[in-house]
Amino acid sequence: MPVTNSAVSVGTAITQISGPSLDAKLVYVQDGDFDGDTAVYVGGTGVTAANGVKLSKTNVIVFQLNADDVLYARGSGATASVRVTEVK
């Protein structure tokens, strides 16, 4: 079961943080801007602060994605970091 880790830079534009794969996978996501004021929201292609899931700076959220699913993020400020671990 391969495990990959990444830190994705996210700004105010929608950014892909986990792309499609051949198999289903678990995606662990955390707001990597631990001491900053920037909030990060995750969801589908139209994610916003109003409809996305707000990431915690101290906890991890887990998504189960099917093979063709894509997960996106958008920050409330110019730059934020999202920590992503994928387990296939």
PDB file of N, CA and C in Angstrom:
ATOM      1  N   MET A   1       0.855  -1.171   0.000  1.00  0.00           N
ATOM      2  CA  MET A   1       0.000   0.000   0.000  1.00  0.00           C
ATOM      3  C   MET A   1       0.905   1.239   0.000  1.00  0.00           C
ATOM      4  N   PRO A   2       1.075   1.902  -1.157  1.00  0.00           N
ATOM      5  CA  PRO A   2       1.937   3.080  -1.238  1.00  0.00           C
ATOM      6  C   PRO A   2       1.369   4.280  -0.462  1.00  0.00           C
ATOM      7  N   VAL A   3       2.269   5.007   0.177  1.00  0.00           N
ATOM      8  CA  VAL A   3       1.911   6.222   0.905  1.00  0.00           C
ATOM      9  C   VAL A   3       2.781   7.355   0.353  1.00  0.00           C
ATOM     10  N   THR A   4       2.129   8.465  -0.008  1.00  0.00           N
ATOM     11  CA  THR A   4       2.876   9.627  -0.492  1.00  0.00           C
ATOM     12  C   THR A   4       2.518  10.842   0.351  1.00  0.00           C
ATOM     13  N   ASN A   5       3.489  11.713   0.537  1.00  0.00           N
ATOM     14  CA  ASN A   5       3.295  12.942   1.311  1.00  0.00           C
ATOM     15  C   ASN A   5       3.660  14.137   0.447  1.00  0.00           C
ATOM     16  N   SER A   6       2.922  15.237   0.624  1.00  0.00           N
ATOM     17  CA  SER A   6       3.257  16.461  -0.100  1.00  0.00           C
ATOM     18  C   SER A   6       2.770  17.668   0.683  1.00  0.00           C
ATOM     19  N   ALA A   7       3.381  18.802   0.367  1.00  0.00           N
ATOM     20  CA  ALA A   7       2.938  20.090   0.883  1.00  0.00           C
ATOM     21  C   ALA A   7       2.567  20.913  -0.341  1.00  0.00           C
ATOM     22  N   VAL A   8       1.317  21.324  -0.430  1.00  0.00           N
ATOM     23  CA  VAL A   8       0.817  22.039  -1.594  1.00  0.00           C
ATOM     24  C   VAL A   8       0.607  23.500  -1.217  1.00  0.00           C
ATOM     25  N   SER A   9       1.165  24.402  -2.010  1.00  0.00           N
ATOM     26  CA  SER A   9       0.978  25.833  -1.793  1.00  0.00           C
ATOM     27  C   SER A   9      -0.372  26.243  -2.377  1.00  0.00           C
ATOM     28  N   VAL A  10      -1.195  26.890  -1.559  1.00  0.00           N
ATOM     29  CA  VAL A  10      -2.547  27.269  -1.964  1.00  0.00           C
ATOM     30  C   VAL A  10      -2.724  28.766  -1.738  1.00  0.00           C
ATOM     31  N   GLY A  11      -3.303  29.435  -2.697  1.00  0.00           N
ATOM     32  CA  GLY A  11      -3.626  30.849  -2.575  1.00  0.00           C
ATOM     33  C   GLY A  11      -5.120  31.049  -2.689  1.00  0.00           C
ATOM     34  N   THR A  12      -5.526  32.177  -3.217  1.00  0.00           N
ATOM     35  CA  THR A  12      -6.953  32.471  -3.333  1.00  0.00           C
ATOM     36  C   THR A  12      -7.587  31.819  -4.563  1.00  0.00           C
ATOM     37  N   ALA A  13      -6.777  31.273  -5.454  1.00  0.00           N
ATOM     38  CA  ALA A  13      -7.301  30.542  -6.612  1.00  0.00           C
ATOM     39  C   ALA A  13      -7.505  29.075  -6.233  1.00  0.00           C
ATOM     40  N   ILE A  14      -8.448  28.426  -6.870  1.00  0.00           N
ATOM     41  CA  ILE A  14      -8.699  27.010  -6.612  1.00  0.00           C
ATOM     42  C   ILE A  14      -7.486  26.205  -7.087  1.00  0.00           C
ATOM     43  N   THR A  15      -6.987  25.322  -6.207  1.00  0.00           N
ATOM     44  CA  THR A  15      -5.787  24.541  -6.477  1.00  0.00           C
ATOM     45  C   THR A  15      -6.067  23.068  -6.223  1.00  0.00           C
ATOM     46  N   GLN A  16      -5.659  22.212  -7.140  1.00  0.00           N
ATOM     47  CA  GLN A  16      -5.819  20.774  -6.961  1.00  0.00           C
ATOM     48  C   GLN A  16      -4.819  20.288  -5.930  1.00  0.00           C
ATOM     49  N   ILE A  17      -5.304  19.559  -4.907  1.00  0.00           N
ATOM     50  CA  ILE A  17      -4.388  19.032  -3.889  1.00  0.00           C
ATOM     51  C   ILE A  17      -4.293  17.507  -3.942  1.00  0.00           C
ATOM     52  N   SER A  18      -5.245  16.843  -4.587  1.00  0.00           N
ATOM     53  CA  SER A  18      -5.189  15.394  -4.774  1.00  0.00           C
ATOM     54  C   SER A  18      -5.887  15.067  -6.081  1.00  0.00           C
ATOM     55  N   GLY A  19      -5.135  14.458  -6.992  1.00  0.00           N
ATOM     56  CA  GLY A  19      -5.668  14.196  -8.321  1.00  0.00           C
ATOM     57  C   GLY A  19      -6.228  12.798  -8.483  1.00  0.00           C
ATOM     58  N   PRO A  20      -6.739  12.522  -9.683  1.00  0.00           N
ATOM     59  CA  PRO A  20      -7.312  11.211  -9.959  1.00  0.00           C
ATOM     60  C   PRO A  20      -6.231  10.128  -9.946  1.00  0.00           C
ATOM     61  N   SER A  21      -6.644   8.902  -9.699  1.00  0.00           N
ATOM     62  CA  SER A  21      -5.710   7.771  -9.692  1.00  0.00           C
ATOM     63  C   SER A  21      -6.413   6.559 -10.284  1.00  0.00           C
ATOM     64  N   LEU A  22      -5.704   5.462 -10.391  1.00  0.00           N
ATOM     65  CA  LEU A  22      -6.288   4.242 -10.943  1.00  0.00           C
ATOM     66  C   LEU A  22      -7.174   3.530  -9.930  1.00  0.00           C
ATOM     67  N   ASP A  23      -6.911   3.733  -8.650  1.00  0.00           N
ATOM     68  CA  ASP A  23      -7.650   3.060  -7.587  1.00  0.00           C
ATOM     69  C   ASP A  23      -8.177   4.070  -6.577  1.00  0.00           C
ATOM     70  N   ALA A  24      -9.080   3.615  -5.728  1.00  0.00           N
ATOM     71  CA  ALA A  24      -9.564   4.450  -4.630  1.00  0.00           C
ATOM     72  C   ALA A  24      -8.414   4.695  -3.651  1.00  0.00           C
ATOM     73  N   LYS A  25      -8.506   5.779  -2.875  1.00  0.00           N
ATOM     74  CA  LYS A  25      -7.456   6.086  -1.913  1.00  0.00           C
ATOM     75  C   LYS A  25      -8.018   6.882  -0.750  1.00  0.00           C
ATOM     76  N   LEU A  26      -7.280   6.879   0.347  1.00  0.00           N
ATOM     77  CA  LEU A  26      -7.570   7.734   1.486  1.00  0.00           C
ATOM     78  C   LEU A  26      -6.640   8.930   1.402  1.00  0.00           C
ATOM     79  N   VAL A  27      -7.202  10.121   1.646  1.00  0.00           N
ATOM     80  CA  VAL A  27      -6.414  11.348   1.580  1.00  0.00           C
ATOM     81  C   VAL A  27      -6.539  12.056   2.931  1.00  0.00           C
ATOM     82  N   TYR A  28      -5.408  12.199   3.610  1.00  0.00           N
ATOM     83  CA  TYR A  28      -5.342  12.887   4.896  1.00  0.00           C
ATOM     84  C   TYR A  28      -4.884  14.312   4.631  1.00  0.00           C
ATOM     85  N   VAL A  29      -5.639  15.306   5.132  1.00  0.00           N
ATOM     86  CA  VAL A  29      -5.367  16.706   4.804  1.00  0.00           C
ATOM     87  C   VAL A  29      -5.356  17.538   6.088  1.00  0.00           C
ATOM     88  N   GLN A  30      -4.382  18.471   6.154  1.00  0.00           N
ATOM     89  CA  GLN A  30      -4.288  19.387   7.290  1.00  0.00           C
ATOM     90  C   GLN A  30      -3.813  20.746   6.795  1.00  0.00           C
ATOM     91  N   ASP A  31      -4.294  21.790   7.420  1.00  0.00           N
ATOM     92  CA  ASP A  31      -3.818  23.141   7.134  1.00  0.00           C
ATOM     93  C   ASP A  31      -2.390  23.243   7.645  1.00  0.00           C
ATOM     94  N   GLY A  32      -1.431  23.437   6.744  1.00  0.00           N
ATOM     95  CA  GLY A  32      -0.026  23.468   7.120  1.00  0.00           C
ATOM     96  C   GLY A  32       0.468  24.827   7.581  1.00  0.00           C
ATOM     97  N   ASP A  33      -0.390  25.838   7.545  1.00  0.00           N
ATOM     98  CA  ASP A  33      -0.029  27.185   7.991  1.00  0.00           C
ATOM     99  C   ASP A  33      -0.308  27.264   9.493  1.00  0.00           C
ATOM    100  N   PHE A  34       0.469  26.519  10.277  1.00  0.00           N
ATOM    101  CA  PHE A  34       0.157  26.273  11.683  1.00  0.00           C
ATOM    102  C   PHE A  34       0.018  27.519  12.537  1.00  0.00           C
ATOM    103  N   ASP A  35       0.843  28.523  12.312  1.00  0.00           N
ATOM    104  CA  ASP A  35       0.784  29.702  13.161  1.00  0.00           C
ATOM    105  C   ASP A  35       0.290  30.942  12.427  1.00  0.00           C
ATOM    106  N   GLY A  36      -0.254  30.764  11.235  1.00  0.00           N
ATOM    107  CA  GLY A  36      -0.732  31.900  10.448  1.00  0.00           C
ATOM    108  C   GLY A  36      -2.230  32.107  10.578  1.00  0.00           C
ATOM    109  N   ASP A  37      -2.699  33.199  10.005  1.00  0.00           N
ATOM    110  CA  ASP A  37      -4.118  33.544  10.063  1.00  0.00           C
ATOM    111  C   ASP A  37      -4.899  33.085   8.838  1.00  0.00           C
ATOM    112  N   THR A  38      -4.210  32.546   7.830  1.00  0.00           N
ATOM    113  CA  THR A  38      -4.876  32.137   6.602  1.00  0.00           C
ATOM    114  C   THR A  38      -5.696  30.880   6.835  1.00  0.00           C
ATOM    115  N   ALA A  39      -6.944  30.896   6.407  1.00  0.00           N
ATOM    116  CA  ALA A  39      -7.807  29.711   6.472  1.00  0.00           C
ATOM    117  C   ALA A  39      -7.787  29.015   5.120  1.00  0.00           C
ATOM    118  N   VAL A  40      -7.940  27.687   5.133  1.00  0.00           N
ATOM    119  CA  VAL A  40      -7.975  26.906   3.899  1.00  0.00           C
ATOM    120  C   VAL A  40      -9.255  26.081   3.885  1.00  0.00           C
ATOM    121  N   TYR A  41      -9.902  26.052   2.719  1.00  0.00           N
ATOM    122  CA  TYR A  41     -11.149  25.315   2.531  1.00  0.00           C
ATOM    123  C   TYR A  41     -10.949  24.292   1.432  1.00  0.00           C
ATOM    124  N   VAL A  42     -11.508  23.086   1.605  1.00  0.00           N
ATOM    125  CA  VAL A  42     -11.373  22.039   0.597  1.00  0.00           C
ATOM    126  C   VAL A  42     -12.745  21.611   0.100  1.00  0.00           C
ATOM    127  N   GLY A  43     -12.765  21.062  -1.117  1.00  0.00           N
ATOM    128  CA  GLY A  43     -14.006  20.587  -1.716  1.00  0.00           C
ATOM    129  C   GLY A  43     -13.813  20.291  -3.185  1.00  0.00           C
ATOM    130  N   GLY A  44     -14.876  20.456  -3.950  1.00  0.00           N
ATOM    131  CA  GLY A  44     -14.865  20.186  -5.384  1.00  0.00           C
ATOM    132  C   GLY A  44     -14.371  21.374  -6.191  1.00  0.00           C
ATOM    133  N   THR A  45     -14.665  21.351  -7.486  1.00  0.00           N
ATOM    134  CA  THR A  45     -14.144  22.372  -8.404  1.00  0.00           C
ATOM    135  C   THR A  45     -14.610  23.783  -8.084  1.00  0.00           C
ATOM    136  N   GLY A  46     -15.703  23.946  -7.398  1.00  0.00           N
ATOM    137  CA  GLY A  46     -16.221  25.264  -7.066  1.00  0.00           C
ATOM    138  C   GLY A  46     -16.062  25.626  -5.604  1.00  0.00           C
ATOM    139  N   VAL A  47     -15.040  25.101  -4.940  1.00  0.00           N
ATOM    140  CA  VAL A  47     -14.878  25.327  -3.502  1.00  0.00           C
ATOM    141  C   VAL A  47     -14.677  26.812  -3.189  1.00  0.00           C
ATOM    142  N   THR A  48     -15.381  27.266  -2.155  1.00  0.00           N
ATOM    143  CA  THR A  48     -15.263  28.635  -1.656  1.00  0.00           C
ATOM    144  C   THR A  48     -15.259  28.596  -0.132  1.00  0.00           C
ATOM    145  N   ALA A  49     -15.065  29.749   0.484  1.00  0.00           N
ATOM    146  CA  ALA A  49     -15.153  29.837   1.945  1.00  0.00           C
ATOM    147  C   ALA A  49     -16.574  29.555   2.418  1.00  0.00           C
ATOM    148  N   ALA A  50     -17.556  29.831   1.573  1.00  0.00           N
ATOM    149  CA  ALA A  50     -18.956  29.642   1.951  1.00  0.00           C
ATOM    150  C   ALA A  50     -19.418  28.190   1.849  1.00  0.00           C
ATOM    151  N   ASN A  51     -18.786  27.377   0.962  1.00  0.00           N
ATOM    152  CA  ASN A  51     -19.291  26.010   0.779  1.00  0.00           C
ATOM    153  C   ASN A  51     -18.252  24.925   1.027  1.00  0.00           C
ATOM    154  N   GLY A  52     -16.992  25.285   1.264  1.00  0.00           N
ATOM    155  CA  GLY A  52     -15.942  24.293   1.476  1.00  0.00           C
ATOM    156  C   GLY A  52     -15.836  23.860   2.923  1.00  0.00           C
ATOM    157  N   VAL A  53     -15.065  22.814   3.134  1.00  0.00           N
ATOM    158  CA  VAL A  53     -14.780  22.320   4.480  1.00  0.00           C
ATOM    159  C   VAL A  53     -13.516  23.026   4.971  1.00  0.00           C
ATOM    160  N   LYS A  54     -13.612  23.738   6.083  1.00  0.00           N
ATOM    161  CA  LYS A  54     -12.468  24.478   6.626  1.00  0.00           C
ATOM    162  C   LYS A  54     -11.505  23.502   7.294  1.00  0.00           C
ATOM    163  N   LEU A  55     -10.232  23.587   6.905  1.00  0.00           N
ATOM    164  CA  LEU A  55      -9.231  22.701   7.487  1.00  0.00           C
ATOM    165  C   LEU A  55      -8.778  23.204   8.850  1.00  0.00           C
ATOM    166  N   SER A  56      -8.500  22.256   9.725  1.00  0.00           N
ATOM    167  CA  SER A  56      -8.002  22.556  11.055  1.00  0.00           C
ATOM    168  C   SER A  56      -6.486  22.673  11.029  1.00  0.00           C
ATOM    169  N   LYS A  57      -5.942  23.540  11.869  1.00  0.00           N
ATOM    170  CA  LYS A  57      -4.493  23.673  11.996  1.00  0.00           C
ATOM    171  C   LYS A  57      -3.919  22.632  12.962  1.00  0.00           C
ATOM    172  N   THR A  58      -4.778  21.972  13.738  1.00  0.00           N
ATOM    173  CA  THR A  58      -4.298  21.009  14.729  1.00  0.00           C
ATOM    174  C   THR A  58      -4.798  19.591  14.503  1.00  0.00           C
ATOM    175  N   ASN A  59      -5.798  19.400  13.663  1.00  0.00           N
ATOM    176  CA  ASN A  59      -6.352  18.072  13.411  1.00  0.00           C
ATOM    177  C   ASN A  59      -6.257  17.729  11.938  1.00  0.00           C
ATOM    178  N   VAL A  60      -6.407  16.461  11.629  1.00  0.00           N
ATOM    179  CA  VAL A  60      -6.363  15.971  10.259  1.00  0.00           C
ATOM    180  C   VAL A  60      -7.770  15.551   9.851  1.00  0.00           C
ATOM    181  N   ILE A  61      -8.140  15.843   8.603  1.00  0.00           N
ATOM    182  CA  ILE A  61      -9.409  15.378   8.058  1.00  0.00           C
ATOM    183  C   ILE A  61      -9.091  14.326   7.002  1.00  0.00           C
ATOM    184  N   VAL A  62      -9.918  13.290   6.914  1.00  0.00           N
ATOM    185  CA  VAL A  62      -9.671  12.191   5.988  1.00  0.00           C
ATOM    186  C   VAL A  62     -10.800  12.119   4.969  1.00  0.00           C
ATOM    187  N   PHE A  63     -10.416  12.031   3.697  1.00  0.00           N
ATOM    188  CA  PHE A  63     -11.371  11.862   2.606  1.00  0.00           C
ATOM    189  C   PHE A  63     -11.091  10.524   1.933  1.00  0.00           C
ATOM    190  N   GLN A  64     -12.147   9.796   1.586  1.00  0.00           N
ATOM    191  CA  GLN A  64     -12.000   8.593   0.774  1.00  0.00           C
ATOM    192  C   GLN A  64     -12.396   8.979  -0.643  1.00  0.00           C
ATOM    193  N   LEU A  65     -11.431   8.938  -1.569  1.00  0.00           N
ATOM    194  CA  LEU A  65     -11.683   9.337  -2.942  1.00  0.00           C
ATOM    195  C   LEU A  65     -11.723   8.113  -3.838  1.00  0.00           C
ATOM    196  N   ASN A  66     -12.675   8.086  -4.747  1.00  0.00           N
ATOM    197  CA  ASN A  66     -12.721   7.047  -5.759  1.00  0.00           C
ATOM    198  C   ASN A  66     -11.684   7.339  -6.827  1.00  0.00           C
ATOM    199  N   ALA A  67     -11.496   6.412  -7.749  1.00  0.00           N
ATOM    200  CA  ALA A  67     -10.408   6.492  -8.726  1.00  0.00           C
ATOM    201  C   ALA A  67     -10.367   7.814  -9.488  1.00  0.00           C
ATOM    202  N   ASP A  68     -11.481   8.338  -9.924  1.00  0.00           N
ATOM    203  CA  ASP A  68     -11.487   9.538 -10.762  1.00  0.00           C
ATOM    204  C   ASP A  68     -11.751  10.830  -9.993  1.00  0.00           C
ATOM    205  N   ASP A  69     -11.846  10.760  -8.672  1.00  0.00           N
ATOM    206  CA  ASP A  69     -12.144  11.945  -7.878  1.00  0.00           C
ATOM    207  C   ASP A  69     -10.929  12.868  -7.746  1.00  0.00           C
ATOM    208  N   VAL A  70     -11.211  14.163  -7.635  1.00  0.00           N
ATOM    209  CA  VAL A  70     -10.174  15.174  -7.454  1.00  0.00           C
ATOM    210  C   VAL A  70     -10.575  16.054  -6.273  1.00  0.00           C
ATOM    211  N   LEU A  71      -9.627  16.421  -5.450  1.00  0.00           N
ATOM    212  CA  LEU A  71      -9.879  17.267  -4.297  1.00  0.00           C
ATOM    213  C   LEU A  71      -9.160  18.598  -4.497  1.00  0.00           C
ATOM    214  N   TYR A  72      -9.871  19.694  -4.244  1.00  0.00           N
ATOM    215  CA  TYR A  72      -9.343  21.037  -4.453  1.00  0.00           C
ATOM    216  C   TYR A  72      -9.321  21.810  -3.141  1.00  0.00           C
ATOM    217  N   ALA A  73      -8.506  22.870  -3.108  1.00  0.00           N
ATOM    218  CA  ALA A  73      -8.430  23.751  -1.943  1.00  0.00           C
ATOM    219  C   ALA A  73      -8.351  25.192  -2.404  1.00  0.00           C
ATOM    220  N   ARG A  74      -8.760  26.066  -1.510  1.00  0.00           N
ATOM    221  CA  ARG A  74      -8.669  27.517  -1.748  1.00  0.00           C
ATOM    222  C   ARG A  74      -8.379  28.169  -0.406  1.00  0.00           C
ATOM    223  N   GLY A  75      -7.438  29.113  -0.394  1.00  0.00           N
ATOM    224  CA  GLY A  75      -7.073  29.805   0.830  1.00  0.00           C
ATOM    225  C   GLY A  75      -7.762  31.154   0.938  1.00  0.00           C
ATOM    226  N   SER A  76      -7.790  31.681   2.142  1.00  0.00           N
ATOM    227  CA  SER A  76      -8.398  32.992   2.365  1.00  0.00           C
ATOM    228  C   SER A  76      -7.392  34.118   2.140  1.00  0.00           C
ATOM    229  N   GLY A  77      -6.129  33.773   1.942  1.00  0.00           N
ATOM    230  CA  GLY A  77      -5.093  34.774   1.717  1.00  0.00           C
ATOM    231  C   GLY A  77      -4.171  34.361   0.590  1.00  0.00           C
ATOM    232  N   ALA A  78      -3.130  35.146   0.395  1.00  0.00           N
ATOM    233  CA  ALA A  78      -2.239  34.958  -0.751  1.00  0.00           C
ATOM    234  C   ALA A  78      -1.542  33.603  -0.762  1.00  0.00           C
ATOM    235  N   THR A  79      -1.025  33.171   0.359  1.00  0.00           N
ATOM    236  CA  THR A  79      -0.343  31.876   0.378  1.00  0.00           C
ATOM    237  C   THR A  79      -0.648  31.116   1.653  1.00  0.00           C
ATOM    238  N   ALA A  80      -0.872  29.847   1.479  1.00  0.00           N
ATOM    239  CA  ALA A  80      -1.079  28.923   2.585  1.00  0.00           C
ATOM    240  C   ALA A  80      -0.456  27.594   2.171  1.00  0.00           C
ATOM    241  N   SER A  81      -0.264  26.727   3.110  1.00  0.00           N
ATOM    242  CA  SER A  81       0.284  25.414   2.819  1.00  0.00           C
ATOM    243  C   SER A  81      -0.707  24.356   3.277  1.00  0.00           C
ATOM    244  N   VAL A  82      -0.905  23.344   2.456  1.00  0.00           N
ATOM    245  CA  VAL A  82      -1.765  22.227   2.810  1.00  0.00           C
ATOM    246  C   VAL A  82      -0.905  20.972   2.822  1.00  0.00           C
ATOM    247  N   ARG A  83      -0.951  20.244   3.923  1.00  0.00           N
ATOM    248  CA  ARG A  83      -0.213  18.978   4.030  1.00  0.00           C
ATOM    249  C   ARG A  83      -1.147  17.859   3.586  1.00  0.00           C
ATOM    250  N   VAL A  84      -0.674  17.015   2.663  1.00  0.00           N
ATOM    251  CA  VAL A  84      -1.495  15.960   2.076  1.00  0.00           C
ATOM    252  C   VAL A  84      -0.744  14.634   2.167  1.00  0.00           C
ATOM    253  N   THR A  85      -1.386  13.616   2.718  1.00  0.00           N
ATOM    254  CA  THR A  85      -0.866  12.251   2.702  1.00  0.00           C
ATOM    255  C   THR A  85      -1.898  11.370   2.012  1.00  0.00           C
ATOM    256  N   GLU A  86      -1.452  10.662   0.964  1.00  0.00           N
ATOM    257  CA  GLU A  86      -2.335   9.773   0.211  1.00  0.00           C
ATOM    258  C   GLU A  86      -1.936   8.330   0.467  1.00  0.00           C
ATOM    259  N   VAL A  87      -2.947   7.499   0.774  1.00  0.00           N
ATOM    260  CA  VAL A  87      -2.739   6.076   0.995  1.00  0.00           C
ATOM    261  C   VAL A  87      -3.574   5.347  -0.037  1.00  0.00           C
ATOM    262  N   LYS A  88      -2.906   4.619  -0.930  1.00  0.00           N
ATOM    263  CA  LYS A  88      -3.609   3.911  -2.018  1.00  0.00           C
ATOM    264  C   LYS A  88      -3.754   2.457  -1.705  1.00  0.00           C
TER     265      LYS A  88
END
